Amino acid sequence: MEWMRRVLSVAALGLMAAYGVHAADVTRSAGDAQATQILGNWLTQKRDGIIRISRTSEGLYQGQIVGGDDPQRTDTHNPDPNLRERRLLGQVILQDMQYDGAGRWSAGTIYDPDTGHTYRCRLQLRAGADRLTVRGFLGVALLGRSQTWTRYRGSSLQLPPAAGH
């Protein structure tokens, strides 16, 4: 009789563990569906660049400059003098972003080619997944600035020159 109780206990534990794994997979799948809403092309707030957000093989998110109003623009403000002549087009400026849930990403960095500085970064989707708040900061998020990027649905990666260029 004791033997039968132990077998049933082990079987019950196995079923609970299997259900827990399945529940975690369902939750993770729902989270992954939300996390992928960020994928695609985004127009910067100044409307001078297009950033493509993709997922890396490690499951993190990154953003690469894929278009803009000056395809020949170089990284003139880079702190490394050896990189100041490289073209910005094709450069990854948003790195190592992790999905936190509820349309928010954090723990990564963003490089600002206008200043040559790299900042810690947080992202948040807004307005039906067509607006992305990008917050770069030093130390704590209160010491930073935000931009709103909009989803870019255009077909051309070449933007018209911004006023004043």
Protein backbone atom coordinates (compact mmCIF):
# COMPACT_ATOMS: atom_id res chain seq x y z
CA MET A 1 0.00 0.00 0.00
CA GLU A 2 2.84 2.41 0.86
CA TRP A 3 4.46 1.57 -2.43
CA MET A 4 1.26 2.49 -4.32
CA ARG A 5 1.03 5.85 -2.50
CA ARG A 6 4.61 6.71 -3.47
CA VAL A 7 4.00 5.82 -7.13
CA LEU A 8 0.85 7.96 -7.21
CA SER A 9 2.66 10.86 -5.52
CA VAL A 10 5.49 10.73 -8.05
CA ALA A 11 2.98 10.54 -10.91
CA ALA A 12 1.04 13.51 -9.51
CA LEU A 13 4.23 15.54 -9.16
CA GLY A 14 5.17 14.67 -12.73
CA LEU A 15 1.79 15.82 -14.02
CA MET A 16 2.00 19.09 -12.07
CA ALA A 17 5.51 19.72 -13.37
CA ALA A 18 4.43 19.00 -16.93
CA TYR A 19 1.44 21.34 -16.57
CA GLY A 20 3.71 24.04 -15.12
CA VAL A 21 6.06 23.77 -18.08
CA HIS A 22 3.13 23.96 -20.49
CA ALA A 23 1.69 27.00 -18.68
CA ALA A 24 5.10 28.69 -18.78
CA ASP A 25 5.37 27.95 -22.52
CA VAL A 26 1.92 29.48 -23.15
CA THR A 27 2.84 32.58 -21.12
CA ARG A 28 6.21 32.87 -22.87
CA SER A 29 4.51 32.55 -26.28
CA ALA A 30 2.08 35.37 -25.42
CA GLY A 31 5.02 37.48 -24.21
CA ASP A 32 6.97 36.69 -27.37
CA ALA A 33 4.03 37.85 -29.49
CA GLN A 34 4.01 41.18 -27.66
CA ALA A 35 7.80 41.42 -27.79
CA THR A 36 7.85 41.05 -31.58
CA GLN A 37 5.58 44.07 -32.07
CA ILE A 38 8.72 46.21 -31.91
CA LEU A 39 10.27 44.54 -34.96
CA GLY A 40 10.47 46.57 -38.15
CA ASN A 41 11.43 50.02 -39.35
CA TRP A 42 11.10 53.17 -37.23
CA LEU A 43 11.39 56.82 -38.26
CA THR A 44 13.36 58.91 -35.76
CA GLN A 45 11.72 61.92 -34.14
CA LYS A 46 13.81 64.34 -36.23
CA ARG A 47 12.61 62.42 -39.32
CA ASP A 48 16.19 62.10 -40.56
CA GLY A 49 16.81 58.40 -39.97
CA ILE A 50 15.20 54.99 -40.30
CA ILE A 51 16.14 52.39 -37.69
CA ARG A 52 15.36 48.71 -38.25
CA ILE A 53 14.76 46.86 -35.00
CA SER A 54 15.46 43.15 -35.17
CA ARG A 55 15.97 40.26 -32.79
CA THR A 56 19.44 38.77 -32.36
CA SER A 57 20.20 35.06 -32.15
CA GLU A 58 20.54 35.53 -28.37
CA GLY A 59 16.92 36.76 -28.16
CA LEU A 60 17.88 40.40 -27.54
CA TYR A 61 16.75 43.35 -29.65
CA GLN A 62 18.93 45.73 -31.65
CA GLY A 63 18.44 48.69 -33.97
CA GLN A 64 20.44 49.37 -37.11
CA ILE A 65 20.46 52.50 -39.27
CA VAL A 66 19.00 51.34 -42.60
CA GLY A 67 18.01 54.65 -44.15
CA GLY A 68 17.84 58.38 -43.77
CA ASP A 69 18.21 61.75 -45.41
CA ASP A 70 22.00 61.53 -45.88
CA PRO A 71 23.29 58.07 -46.86
CA GLN A 72 26.87 59.39 -47.01
CA ARG A 73 26.84 60.82 -43.47
CA THR A 74 29.84 59.72 -41.43
CA ASP A 75 30.24 59.15 -37.69
CA THR A 76 32.08 62.46 -37.17
CA HIS A 77 31.32 62.67 -33.42
CA ASN A 78 32.53 59.17 -32.55
CA PRO A 79 34.86 59.25 -29.52
CA ASP A 80 37.22 56.91 -31.38
CA PRO A 81 39.03 59.03 -34.02
CA ASN A 82 39.58 55.87 -36.12
CA LEU A 83 35.79 55.49 -36.57
CA ARG A 84 34.92 59.06 -37.51
CA GLU A 85 35.14 58.37 -41.25
CA ARG A 86 32.83 55.31 -41.23
CA ARG A 87 29.40 55.72 -42.73
CA LEU A 88 26.51 55.67 -40.28
CA LEU A 89 24.32 53.75 -42.71
CA GLY A 90 24.43 50.12 -41.59
CA GLN A 91 25.66 50.83 -38.05
CA VAL A 92 23.93 49.20 -35.07
CA ILE A 93 23.07 52.00 -32.63
CA LEU A 94 20.59 50.21 -30.34
CA GLN A 95 21.93 47.09 -28.61
CA ASP A 96 21.17 44.38 -26.07
CA MET A 97 17.56 45.37 -25.37
CA GLN A 98 15.63 42.82 -23.30
CA TYR A 99 11.86 42.48 -23.31
CA ASP A 100 10.41 43.18 -19.86
CA GLY A 101 6.78 42.56 -20.72
CA ALA A 102 3.85 44.97 -21.15
CA GLY A 103 5.40 46.62 -24.23
CA ARG A 104 8.63 47.65 -22.48
CA TRP A 105 12.30 46.87 -23.18
CA SER A 106 15.35 47.77 -21.10
CA ALA A 107 18.92 46.83 -20.11
CA GLY A 108 20.42 47.90 -23.43
CA THR A 109 22.23 50.92 -24.83
CA ILE A 110 21.72 53.47 -27.57
CA TYR A 111 24.43 55.36 -29.44
CA ASP A 112 23.62 58.96 -30.40
CA PRO A 113 25.52 59.78 -33.61
CA ASP A 114 24.73 63.50 -33.13
CA THR A 115 26.88 63.62 -29.98
CA GLY A 116 29.02 60.47 -30.09
CA HIS A 117 27.72 59.39 -26.68
CA THR A 118 26.30 56.00 -25.70
CA TYR A 119 23.49 55.91 -23.16
CA ARG A 120 21.56 53.28 -21.24
CA CYS A 121 18.19 52.86 -22.89
CA ARG A 122 14.56 52.00 -22.29
CA LEU A 123 11.87 51.54 -24.91
CA GLN A 124 8.10 51.56 -24.63
CA LEU A 125 5.49 50.90 -27.32
CA ARG A 126 2.54 53.29 -27.41
CA ALA A 127 -0.54 54.07 -29.49
CA GLY A 128 -1.37 50.70 -30.98
CA ALA A 129 2.27 49.71 -31.53
CA ASP A 130 2.93 52.57 -33.98
CA ARG A 131 4.79 54.88 -31.58
CA LEU A 132 7.92 53.98 -29.69
CA THR A 133 9.22 56.06 -26.80
CA VAL A 134 13.02 55.85 -26.74
CA ARG A 135 14.64 57.06 -23.51
CA GLY A 136 18.40 57.44 -23.29
CA PHE A 137 19.93 58.20 -19.92
CA LEU A 138 23.01 58.20 -17.74
CA GLY A 139 22.76 56.33 -14.44
CA VAL A 140 19.05 56.67 -13.64
CA ALA A 141 16.25 57.19 -16.15
CA LEU A 142 15.40 60.57 -14.62
CA LEU A 143 18.68 61.95 -16.01
CA GLY A 144 18.02 61.60 -19.69
CA ARG A 145 15.87 62.52 -22.62
CA SER A 146 13.16 60.86 -24.63
CA GLN A 147 12.25 60.75 -28.30
CA THR A 148 9.20 59.33 -29.99
CA TRP A 149 9.85 57.23 -33.06
CA THR A 150 7.00 56.32 -35.39
CA ARG A 151 6.61 53.11 -37.32
CA TYR A 152 7.91 53.62 -40.85
CA ARG A 153 5.80 52.02 -43.54
CA GLY A 154 7.39 53.74 -46.53
CA SER A 155 9.04 51.77 -49.29
CA SER A 156 12.07 54.01 -49.81
CA LEU A 157 14.90 54.02 -47.28
CA GLN A 158 16.12 57.33 -48.75
CA LEU A 159 14.38 60.24 -47.01
CA PRO A 160 14.20 63.77 -48.41
CA PRO A 161 16.78 66.12 -46.88
CA ALA A 162 15.60 67.72 -43.63
CA ALA A 163 15.09 71.46 -43.63
CA GLY A 164 18.33 73.26 -42.90
CA HIS A 165 20.64 70.58 -44.45
